[in-house]
């Protein structure tokens, strides 16, 4: 697998297609002409301060793009509502992580599942996936190239193999669940497979609720909890997400016990 190049704003802009660039430009008040093309827009956007770009990108309607930015360190969604609950003790859940070939949610090129029973990891699985389009524009994020996935099975074949791991579980969990839920839904629709009915929980939201940190991207939370991470490698991300949820459950239990003892 290719070495992941360092993150920079130019690479981020290269990951956006023309329609997404036009949305960002419009939110920034950049005047567009009918002849505006992608590279010219990228050049204009690169001149804007990061802080302004972040505020605009956070409110984009395209959830896949907004989620991509959040996963590489931009602001995260609001914390869970009081009605939400991490389900402690003997809960069974599966942490899931996707990497995508491009900014479209149906372009999964890697997936990992980590199953947890009673706060203990009992199963791990990861597969490369041949995406529906040959061009991979997000190699700079995860290091996956077309050569890595050209002979890999399609999402349909991979999901039919891995879906039994979800059986008998209470929920799915992901670090920024809207991204992985959108990818799973789009890939299932493309493959004409049913979307799993399990609810999603988000460790970004729960980390915001449980930990006092300057930011809540996966590397920051893992560093705080002492969890090993090879970021944007699907199995490492999924296992890290599982361990974050386990820690959330443990702290929630301790809080319940402390409250009951008063």
Protein backbone atom coordinates (compact mmCIF):
# COMPACT_ATOMS: atom_id res chain seq x y z
CA UNK A 1 0.00 0.00 0.00
CA UNK A 2 1.26 3.46 -0.86
CA UNK A 3 2.57 5.72 1.88
CA UNK A 4 -0.05 8.33 2.82
CA UNK A 5 1.18 11.79 1.83
CA UNK A 6 0.99 14.58 4.41
CA UNK A 7 -2.26 16.53 4.75
CA UNK A 8 -2.41 19.95 3.20
CA UNK A 9 -5.19 22.30 2.10
CA UNK A 10 -4.35 21.89 -1.59
CA UNK A 11 -4.88 18.13 -1.32
CA UNK A 12 -8.20 18.69 0.44
CA UNK A 13 -9.42 20.96 -2.33
CA UNK A 14 -8.28 18.43 -4.95
CA UNK A 15 -10.67 15.91 -3.34
CA UNK A 16 -13.74 18.03 -4.14
CA UNK A 17 -15.60 17.76 -7.42
CA UNK A 18 -16.89 20.80 -9.35
CA UNK A 19 -20.35 20.84 -7.74
CA UNK A 20 -18.89 20.74 -4.25
CA UNK A 21 -16.38 23.47 -5.10
CA UNK A 22 -19.22 25.64 -6.39
CA UNK A 23 -21.13 25.16 -3.13
CA UNK A 24 -18.11 26.19 -1.07
CA UNK A 25 -17.41 29.18 -3.33
CA UNK A 26 -21.03 30.33 -3.12
CA UNK A 27 -20.97 30.17 0.71
CA UNK A 28 -17.78 32.24 0.70
CA UNK A 29 -19.38 34.85 -1.56
CA UNK A 30 -17.03 34.19 -4.47
CA UNK A 31 -18.58 35.31 -7.75
CA UNK A 32 -19.03 32.44 -10.20
CA UNK A 33 -19.31 32.56 -13.95
CA UNK A 34 -20.85 29.86 -16.15
CA UNK A 35 -17.35 29.08 -17.39
CA UNK A 36 -15.92 28.57 -13.88
CA UNK A 37 -13.99 25.33 -13.83
CA UNK A 38 -12.70 23.23 -10.97
CA UNK A 39 -9.04 24.25 -11.01
CA UNK A 40 -9.85 27.97 -11.08
CA UNK A 41 -12.21 27.54 -8.12
CA UNK A 42 -9.58 25.57 -6.22
CA UNK A 43 -7.12 28.42 -6.72
CA UNK A 44 -9.64 30.98 -5.44
CA UNK A 45 -10.60 28.88 -2.42
CA UNK A 46 -6.97 28.28 -1.50
CA UNK A 47 -6.62 32.03 -0.91
CA UNK A 48 -9.20 32.03 1.90
CA UNK A 49 -8.23 31.59 5.56
CA UNK A 50 -8.76 28.13 7.01
CA UNK A 51 -11.09 29.40 9.74
CA UNK A 52 -13.50 30.89 7.20
CA UNK A 53 -13.43 27.78 5.05
CA UNK A 54 -14.14 25.58 8.07
CA UNK A 55 -17.17 27.57 9.14
CA UNK A 56 -18.59 27.40 5.63
CA UNK A 57 -17.85 23.71 5.10
CA UNK A 58 -19.50 22.76 8.39
CA UNK A 59 -22.89 23.96 7.14
CA UNK A 60 -22.75 22.36 3.70
CA UNK A 61 -25.78 20.27 2.94
CA UNK A 62 -23.67 17.50 1.42
CA UNK A 63 -23.17 15.29 4.48
CA UNK A 64 -20.49 13.15 2.87
CA UNK A 65 -18.22 16.14 2.30
CA UNK A 66 -18.89 17.65 5.73
CA UNK A 67 -18.20 14.29 7.34
CA UNK A 68 -14.93 13.90 5.46
CA UNK A 69 -13.74 17.24 6.83
CA UNK A 70 -14.78 16.30 10.34
CA UNK A 71 -12.88 13.00 10.16
CA UNK A 72 -9.63 14.80 9.40
CA UNK A 73 -9.99 17.18 12.30
CA UNK A 74 -12.57 19.89 11.71
CA UNK A 75 -15.39 20.64 14.14
CA UNK A 76 -17.65 17.76 15.14
CA UNK A 77 -21.46 17.51 15.45
CA UNK A 78 -23.47 18.45 18.52
CA UNK A 79 -23.38 16.16 21.57
CA UNK A 80 -26.00 13.41 21.99
CA UNK A 81 -29.41 14.29 23.34
CA UNK A 82 -30.30 13.35 26.93
CA UNK A 83 -32.47 10.54 25.54
CA UNK A 84 -29.44 8.87 23.98
CA UNK A 85 -27.60 6.27 26.06
CA UNK A 86 -24.35 4.35 25.53
CA UNK A 87 -25.91 1.05 26.72
CA UNK A 88 -23.55 -0.39 29.27
CA UNK A 89 -22.87 -3.76 30.91
CA UNK A 90 -23.64 -6.67 28.58
CA UNK A 91 -24.40 -4.68 25.43
CA UNK A 92 -23.25 -6.08 22.11
CA UNK A 93 -22.21 -3.72 19.38
CA UNK A 94 -20.09 -3.49 16.22
CA UNK A 95 -17.70 -0.64 15.47
CA UNK A 96 -17.52 0.09 11.75
CA UNK A 97 -15.14 2.16 9.65
CA UNK A 98 -15.09 2.87 5.92
CA UNK A 99 -12.46 4.45 3.72
CA UNK A 100 -13.70 5.81 0.41
CA UNK A 101 -12.07 6.20 -2.98
CA UNK A 102 -13.57 9.64 -3.62
CA UNK A 103 -16.00 12.08 -2.03
CA UNK A 104 -19.09 10.13 -3.12
CA UNK A 105 -20.55 7.81 -0.45
CA UNK A 106 -20.91 4.79 -2.76
CA UNK A 107 -17.11 4.60 -3.29
CA UNK A 108 -16.07 2.42 -0.33
CA UNK A 109 -12.60 0.96 -0.91
CA UNK A 110 -12.03 -0.49 2.56
CA UNK A 111 -14.22 -1.57 5.48
CA UNK A 112 -13.56 -2.94 8.95
CA UNK A 113 -15.86 -4.34 11.63
CA UNK A 114 -14.96 -4.91 15.28
CA UNK A 115 -17.52 -6.76 17.42
CA UNK A 116 -17.76 -6.17 21.18
CA UNK A 117 -19.57 -8.26 23.80
CA UNK A 118 -19.78 -6.97 27.34
CA UNK A 119 -16.95 -4.43 26.85
CA UNK A 120 -14.62 -7.05 25.33
CA UNK A 121 -13.55 -7.27 21.69
CA UNK A 122 -14.49 -10.71 20.36
CA UNK A 123 -14.08 -10.41 16.58
CA UNK A 124 -12.23 -8.29 14.02
CA UNK A 125 -12.60 -8.29 10.23
CA UNK A 126 -11.33 -6.00 7.48
CA UNK A 127 -11.52 -6.15 3.70
CA UNK A 128 -10.42 -4.10 0.72
CA UNK A 129 -13.22 -3.31 -1.74
CA UNK A 130 -13.05 -2.59 -5.45
CA UNK A 131 -14.89 0.75 -5.79
CA UNK A 132 -17.29 1.43 -8.66
CA UNK A 133 -14.97 3.97 -10.27
CA UNK A 134 -11.33 3.46 -11.18
CA UNK A 135 -10.12 6.94 -10.16
CA UNK A 136 -9.14 7.14 -6.47
CA UNK A 137 -8.81 10.76 -5.39
CA UNK A 138 -8.38 10.17 -1.65
CA UNK A 139 -5.15 8.17 -1.66
CA UNK A 140 -3.61 11.10 0.22
CA UNK A 141 -5.98 10.31 3.13
CA UNK A 142 -5.69 6.53 3.49
CA UNK A 143 -2.86 5.43 1.18
CA UNK A 144 -5.05 3.07 -0.89
CA UNK A 145 -4.38 3.10 -4.64
CA UNK A 146 -6.21 1.50 -7.56
CA UNK A 147 -3.49 -1.14 -7.70
CA UNK A 148 -4.40 -2.15 -4.14
CA UNK A 149 -8.07 -2.74 -4.96
CA UNK A 150 -8.18 -3.60 -8.68
CA UNK A 151 -8.54 -7.32 -7.91
CA UNK A 152 -10.52 -6.90 -4.68
CA UNK A 153 -14.15 -8.09 -4.44
CA UNK A 154 -17.05 -5.67 -4.89
CA UNK A 155 -18.93 -4.21 -1.94
CA UNK A 156 -21.76 -6.69 -2.53
CA UNK A 157 -19.46 -9.69 -2.13
CA UNK A 158 -17.69 -8.20 0.86
CA UNK A 159 -20.88 -7.25 2.69
CA UNK A 160 -22.54 -10.61 2.12
CA UNK A 161 -19.47 -12.14 3.80
CA UNK A 162 -19.24 -9.66 6.71
CA UNK A 163 -22.89 -8.86 7.48
CA UNK A 164 -23.35 -11.91 9.79
CA UNK A 165 -20.97 -10.20 12.25
CA UNK A 166 -23.83 -7.78 12.99
CA UNK A 167 -26.30 -10.51 13.98
CA UNK A 168 -27.50 -10.34 17.57
CA UNK A 169 -25.98 -6.92 18.29
CA UNK A 170 -27.68 -3.83 19.73
CA UNK A 171 -26.17 -1.05 17.66
CA UNK A 172 -23.41 0.08 15.29
CA UNK A 173 -20.88 2.68 16.37
CA UNK A 174 -18.53 4.86 14.33
CA UNK A 175 -16.34 7.89 14.88
CA UNK A 176 -18.52 10.45 13.14
CA UNK A 177 -21.39 8.09 12.46
CA UNK A 178 -23.08 10.23 9.74
CA UNK A 179 -20.15 9.54 7.40
CA UNK A 180 -20.08 5.76 7.84
CA UNK A 181 -23.88 5.49 7.88
CA UNK A 182 -24.06 7.44 4.60
CA UNK A 183 -21.39 5.22 3.01
CA UNK A 184 -23.10 2.03 4.18
CA UNK A 185 -26.48 3.21 2.91
CA UNK A 186 -25.15 4.31 -0.49
CA UNK A 187 -23.14 1.13 -0.99
CA UNK A 188 -26.08 -1.08 0.00
CA UNK A 189 -28.34 0.80 -2.39
CA UNK A 190 -25.86 0.44 -5.24
CA UNK A 191 -25.43 -3.28 -4.51
CA UNK A 192 -29.19 -3.77 -4.07
CA UNK A 193 -28.73 -5.04 -0.54
CA UNK A 194 -30.85 -4.15 2.50
CA UNK A 195 -29.49 -1.47 4.81
CA UNK A 196 -28.93 -2.89 8.31
CA UNK A 197 -31.71 -1.79 10.67
CA UNK A 198 -29.40 -1.32 13.66
CA UNK A 199 -29.18 2.21 15.10
CA UNK A 200 -25.87 4.10 14.88
CA UNK A 201 -24.10 5.70 17.82
CA UNK A 202 -21.34 8.25 17.37
CA UNK A 203 -18.12 8.28 19.41
CA UNK A 204 -17.46 11.89 18.39
CA UNK A 205 -20.67 12.89 20.15
CA UNK A 206 -20.01 10.70 23.16
CA UNK A 207 -16.42 11.89 23.44
CA UNK A 208 -17.69 15.47 23.56
CA UNK A 209 -20.04 14.50 26.35
CA UNK A 210 -17.58 12.47 28.43
CA UNK A 211 -14.10 13.96 27.87
CA UNK A 212 -12.78 17.51 28.20
CA UNK A 213 -10.55 17.87 25.13
CA UNK A 214 -9.53 20.70 22.79
CA UNK A 215 -10.81 18.75 19.78
CA UNK A 216 -12.53 15.42 19.17
CA UNK A 217 -11.04 13.93 16.04
CA UNK A 218 -9.95 10.31 16.35
CA UNK A 219 -6.20 10.89 16.94
CA UNK A 220 -6.88 13.37 19.77
CA UNK A 221 -9.34 11.11 21.59
CA UNK A 222 -7.08 8.08 21.16
CA UNK A 223 -4.07 9.98 22.46
CA UNK A 224 -6.07 11.06 25.53
CA UNK A 225 -7.22 7.50 26.28
CA UNK A 226 -3.89 5.83 25.41
CA UNK A 227 -5.36 3.88 22.48
CA UNK A 228 -3.00 2.80 19.68
CA UNK A 229 -4.00 4.16 16.28
CA UNK A 230 -2.82 3.91 12.67
CA UNK A 231 -5.21 6.58 11.45
CA UNK A 232 -7.24 6.02 8.26
CA UNK A 233 -6.40 2.33 8.21
CA UNK A 234 -9.92 0.92 8.53
CA UNK A 235 -9.23 -1.87 11.04
CA UNK A 236 -7.19 0.39 13.31
CA UNK A 237 -9.87 3.11 13.17
CA UNK A 238 -12.69 0.64 13.87
CA UNK A 239 -10.87 -0.93 16.82
CA UNK A 240 -10.03 2.50 18.21
CA UNK A 241 -13.70 3.46 17.91
CA UNK A 242 -14.71 0.28 19.72
CA UNK A 243 -12.27 0.99 22.55
CA UNK A 244 -13.53 4.57 22.87
CA UNK A 245 -17.10 3.28 23.19
CA UNK A 246 -15.99 0.73 25.79
CA UNK A 247 -14.39 3.53 27.82
CA UNK A 248 -17.54 5.65 27.45
CA UNK A 249 -19.61 2.74 28.76
CA UNK A 250 -17.26 2.19 31.71
CA UNK A 251 -17.37 5.85 32.72
CA UNK A 252 -21.14 5.94 32.31
CA UNK A 253 -21.44 2.91 34.60
CA UNK A 254 -19.18 4.56 37.19
CA UNK A 255 -21.32 7.68 37.06
CA UNK A 256 -24.49 5.63 37.57
CA UNK A 257 -22.93 3.80 40.52
CA UNK A 258 -21.73 7.08 42.04
CA UNK A 259 -25.17 8.67 41.63
CA UNK A 260 -26.91 5.66 43.18
CA UNK A 261 -24.55 5.72 46.18
CA UNK A 262 -25.45 9.30 47.11
